[in-house]
Amino acid sequence: MQEWKKIADTLDVPIEEIYEADENMVFIFNDNEHATGNIINNNNYNIPLSVWESQKKYINKLEAEIESLKAEIAKYK
């Protein structure tokens, strides 16, 4: 938190304007993307937890719809 305070002071903005709590982020490390030859791109992403939750809800909805459609198809067999 002290680092955020230093950054806020340097930028002359309130800490609330720039602070992002780590518990609201999901960290993915070692996402290695291999290209041709000897080039390796290492990508690290910080994805807000709200995005993960939204995607999970959408996935659950799609899975329920798939099961419903499978049941409907089974009626016609």
N, C-alpha and C. Protein backbone atom coordinates (compact mmCIF):
# COMPACT_ATOMS: atom_id res chain seq x y z
N MET A 1 0.83 -1.19 0.00
CA MET A 1 0.00 0.00 0.00
C MET A 1 0.87 1.25 0.00
N GLN A 2 2.04 1.13 0.60
CA GLN A 2 2.95 2.27 0.66
C GLN A 2 3.43 2.67 -0.73
N GLU A 3 3.61 1.66 -1.60
CA GLU A 3 4.03 1.96 -2.97
C GLU A 3 2.96 2.76 -3.71
N TRP A 4 1.69 2.38 -3.48
CA TRP A 4 0.59 3.11 -4.12
C TRP A 4 0.56 4.56 -3.64
N LYS A 5 0.83 4.76 -2.37
CA LYS A 5 0.85 6.12 -1.80
C LYS A 5 1.94 6.95 -2.47
N LYS A 6 3.12 6.35 -2.66
CA LYS A 6 4.23 7.06 -3.31
C LYS A 6 3.86 7.43 -4.75
N ILE A 7 3.23 6.48 -5.45
CA ILE A 7 2.83 6.76 -6.84
C ILE A 7 1.80 7.87 -6.88
N ALA A 8 0.82 7.81 -5.97
CA ALA A 8 -0.22 8.85 -5.92
C ALA A 8 0.39 10.21 -5.63
N ASP A 9 1.35 10.25 -4.71
CA ASP A 9 2.02 11.52 -4.40
C ASP A 9 2.79 12.04 -5.60
N THR A 10 3.47 11.16 -6.29
CA THR A 10 4.25 11.55 -7.46
C THR A 10 3.35 12.09 -8.57
N LEU A 11 2.22 11.44 -8.77
CA LEU A 11 1.28 11.86 -9.81
C LEU A 11 0.37 12.99 -9.36
N ASP A 12 0.42 13.29 -8.08
CA ASP A 12 -0.41 14.35 -7.48
C ASP A 12 -1.90 14.06 -7.70
N VAL A 13 -2.28 12.82 -7.39
CA VAL A 13 -3.68 12.39 -7.48
C VAL A 13 -4.03 11.66 -6.19
N PRO A 14 -5.32 11.59 -5.86
CA PRO A 14 -5.72 10.81 -4.68
C PRO A 14 -5.43 9.33 -4.91
N ILE A 15 -5.03 8.64 -3.87
CA ILE A 15 -4.68 7.22 -3.98
C ILE A 15 -5.87 6.40 -4.48
N GLU A 16 -7.10 6.81 -4.10
CA GLU A 16 -8.29 6.08 -4.50
C GLU A 16 -8.46 6.08 -6.03
N GLU A 17 -7.92 7.07 -6.68
CA GLU A 17 -8.05 7.19 -8.13
C GLU A 17 -7.21 6.16 -8.89
N ILE A 18 -6.12 5.71 -8.30
CA ILE A 18 -5.21 4.80 -9.00
C ILE A 18 -5.08 3.43 -8.36
N TYR A 19 -5.51 3.28 -7.11
CA TYR A 19 -5.30 2.03 -6.38
C TYR A 19 -6.19 0.91 -6.91
N GLU A 20 -5.60 -0.27 -7.11
CA GLU A 20 -6.32 -1.48 -7.48
C GLU A 20 -5.91 -2.58 -6.52
N ALA A 21 -6.87 -3.08 -5.77
CA ALA A 21 -6.58 -4.13 -4.80
C ALA A 21 -6.29 -5.44 -5.52
N ASP A 22 -5.30 -6.16 -5.05
CA ASP A 22 -4.92 -7.44 -5.66
C ASP A 22 -6.01 -8.49 -5.55
N GLU A 23 -6.84 -8.43 -4.49
CA GLU A 23 -7.86 -9.46 -4.33
C GLU A 23 -8.96 -9.36 -5.38
N ASN A 24 -9.01 -8.26 -6.11
CA ASN A 24 -10.00 -8.12 -7.18
C ASN A 24 -9.43 -8.53 -8.53
N MET A 25 -8.26 -9.08 -8.54
CA MET A 25 -7.62 -9.46 -9.79
C MET A 25 -7.31 -10.95 -9.78
N VAL A 26 -7.36 -11.53 -10.95
CA VAL A 26 -6.93 -12.91 -11.14
C VAL A 26 -5.66 -12.85 -11.97
N PHE A 27 -4.61 -13.47 -11.50
CA PHE A 27 -3.34 -13.39 -12.18
C PHE A 27 -3.06 -14.68 -12.94
N ILE A 28 -2.67 -14.53 -14.18
CA ILE A 28 -2.28 -15.67 -15.00
C ILE A 28 -0.83 -15.45 -15.40
N PHE A 29 0.02 -16.38 -15.05
CA PHE A 29 1.42 -16.26 -15.38
C PHE A 29 1.83 -17.40 -16.31
N ASN A 30 2.95 -17.20 -16.95
CA ASN A 30 3.54 -18.23 -17.81
C ASN A 30 2.62 -18.63 -18.96
N ASP A 31 1.99 -17.65 -19.55
CA ASP A 31 1.21 -17.89 -20.77
C ASP A 31 2.20 -17.79 -21.92
N ASN A 32 2.87 -18.88 -22.23
CA ASN A 32 3.92 -18.87 -23.24
C ASN A 32 3.33 -19.11 -24.62
N GLU A 33 3.58 -18.19 -25.49
CA GLU A 33 3.11 -18.29 -26.87
C GLU A 33 4.34 -18.49 -27.74
N HIS A 34 4.41 -19.64 -28.42
CA HIS A 34 5.57 -19.97 -29.22
C HIS A 34 5.31 -19.61 -30.67
N ALA A 35 6.23 -18.88 -31.26
CA ALA A 35 6.14 -18.55 -32.67
C ALA A 35 7.15 -19.40 -33.42
N THR A 36 7.21 -19.24 -34.71
CA THR A 36 8.18 -20.02 -35.48
C THR A 36 9.59 -19.57 -35.14
N GLY A 37 10.53 -20.47 -35.29
CA GLY A 37 11.93 -20.14 -34.97
C GLY A 37 12.16 -20.21 -33.47
N ASN A 38 13.04 -19.37 -32.99
CA ASN A 38 13.40 -19.37 -31.58
C ASN A 38 12.77 -18.21 -30.82
N ILE A 39 11.73 -17.62 -31.37
CA ILE A 39 11.09 -16.47 -30.72
C ILE A 39 10.03 -16.98 -29.76
N ILE A 40 10.08 -16.52 -28.53
CA ILE A 40 9.08 -16.88 -27.52
C ILE A 40 8.52 -15.60 -26.94
N ASN A 41 7.20 -15.49 -26.94
CA ASN A 41 6.54 -14.34 -26.33
C ASN A 41 5.96 -14.77 -25.00
N ASN A 42 6.34 -14.13 -23.93
CA ASN A 42 5.77 -14.39 -22.61
C ASN A 42 4.75 -13.31 -22.32
N ASN A 43 3.49 -13.72 -22.17
CA ASN A 43 2.42 -12.77 -21.91
C ASN A 43 1.86 -12.98 -20.51
N ASN A 44 1.77 -11.94 -19.74
CA ASN A 44 1.16 -11.98 -18.42
C ASN A 44 -0.06 -11.08 -18.45
N TYR A 45 -1.18 -11.59 -17.93
CA TYR A 45 -2.43 -10.85 -17.96
C TYR A 45 -2.96 -10.65 -16.55
N ASN A 46 -3.55 -9.50 -16.32
CA ASN A 46 -4.28 -9.23 -15.10
C ASN A 46 -5.72 -9.02 -15.51
N ILE A 47 -6.58 -9.95 -15.14
CA ILE A 47 -7.97 -9.89 -15.56
C ILE A 47 -8.83 -9.64 -14.32
N PRO A 48 -9.66 -8.61 -14.34
CA PRO A 48 -10.50 -8.32 -13.17
C PRO A 48 -11.41 -9.50 -12.85
N LEU A 49 -11.60 -9.72 -11.57
CA LEU A 49 -12.44 -10.82 -11.10
C LEU A 49 -13.86 -10.70 -11.65
N SER A 50 -14.35 -9.49 -11.81
CA SER A 50 -15.70 -9.28 -12.33
C SER A 50 -15.85 -9.86 -13.73
N VAL A 51 -14.79 -9.82 -14.52
CA VAL A 51 -14.83 -10.39 -15.88
C VAL A 51 -14.94 -11.90 -15.78
N TRP A 52 -14.16 -12.51 -14.90
CA TRP A 52 -14.23 -13.96 -14.71
C TRP A 52 -15.62 -14.37 -14.26
N GLU A 53 -16.21 -13.62 -13.31
CA GLU A 53 -17.54 -13.97 -12.81
C GLU A 53 -18.58 -13.85 -13.91
N SER A 54 -18.49 -12.81 -14.71
CA SER A 54 -19.41 -12.60 -15.82
C SER A 54 -19.31 -13.74 -16.83
N GLN A 55 -18.10 -14.12 -17.16
CA GLN A 55 -17.88 -15.21 -18.12
C GLN A 55 -18.40 -16.52 -17.56
N LYS A 56 -18.23 -16.76 -16.27
CA LYS A 56 -18.70 -18.00 -15.64
C LYS A 56 -20.22 -18.08 -15.72
N LYS A 57 -20.91 -16.95 -15.47
CA LYS A 57 -22.38 -16.93 -15.57
C LYS A 57 -22.82 -17.25 -16.99
N TYR A 58 -22.14 -16.67 -17.96
CA TYR A 58 -22.48 -16.89 -19.36
C TYR A 58 -22.24 -18.35 -19.74
N ILE A 59 -21.14 -18.93 -19.29
CA ILE A 59 -20.83 -20.33 -19.56
C ILE A 59 -21.90 -21.23 -18.95
N ASN A 60 -22.29 -20.95 -17.71
CA ASN A 60 -23.34 -21.75 -17.06
C ASN A 60 -24.65 -21.68 -17.83
N LYS A 61 -24.99 -20.49 -18.31
CA LYS A 61 -26.21 -20.31 -19.09
C LYS A 61 -26.14 -21.13 -20.38
N LEU A 62 -25.00 -21.08 -21.05
CA LEU A 62 -24.84 -21.85 -22.29
C LEU A 62 -24.89 -23.35 -22.04
N GLU A 63 -24.27 -23.80 -20.95
CA GLU A 63 -24.30 -25.23 -20.63
C GLU A 63 -25.73 -25.69 -20.37
N ALA A 64 -26.52 -24.87 -19.66
CA ALA A 64 -27.92 -25.22 -19.39
C ALA A 64 -28.71 -25.27 -20.70
N GLU A 65 -28.46 -24.33 -21.58
CA GLU A 65 -29.15 -24.30 -22.87
C GLU A 65 -28.77 -25.53 -23.71
N ILE A 66 -27.53 -25.92 -23.69
CA ILE A 66 -27.08 -27.12 -24.42
C ILE A 66 -27.81 -28.36 -23.90
N GLU A 67 -27.89 -28.50 -22.59
CA GLU A 67 -28.59 -29.65 -22.00
C GLU A 67 -30.06 -29.65 -22.39
N SER A 68 -30.67 -28.49 -22.40
CA SER A 68 -32.07 -28.37 -22.79
C SER A 68 -32.25 -28.78 -24.26
N LEU A 69 -31.37 -28.34 -25.11
CA LEU A 69 -31.44 -28.69 -26.53
C LEU A 69 -31.18 -30.18 -26.76
N LYS A 70 -30.26 -30.76 -25.98
CA LYS A 70 -30.01 -32.20 -26.09
C LYS A 70 -31.27 -32.99 -25.72
N ALA A 71 -31.96 -32.53 -24.67
CA ALA A 71 -33.18 -33.21 -24.24
C ALA A 71 -34.26 -33.07 -25.32
N GLU A 72 -34.36 -31.92 -25.94
CA GLU A 72 -35.34 -31.72 -27.01
C GLU A 72 -35.03 -32.59 -28.22
N ILE A 73 -33.75 -32.70 -28.56
CA ILE A 73 -33.34 -33.56 -29.68
C ILE A 73 -33.65 -35.01 -29.38
N ALA A 74 -33.43 -35.43 -28.14
CA ALA A 74 -33.69 -36.82 -27.75
C ALA A 74 -35.16 -37.19 -27.93
N LYS A 75 -36.06 -36.22 -27.80
CA LYS A 75 -37.50 -36.49 -27.99
C LYS A 75 -37.78 -36.92 -29.42
N TYR A 76 -37.02 -36.43 -30.37
CA TYR A 76 -37.27 -36.70 -31.78
C TYR A 76 -36.57 -37.95 -32.29
N LYS A 77 -35.80 -38.58 -31.46
CA LYS A 77 -35.08 -39.79 -31.88
C LYS A 77 -35.90 -41.03 -31.63
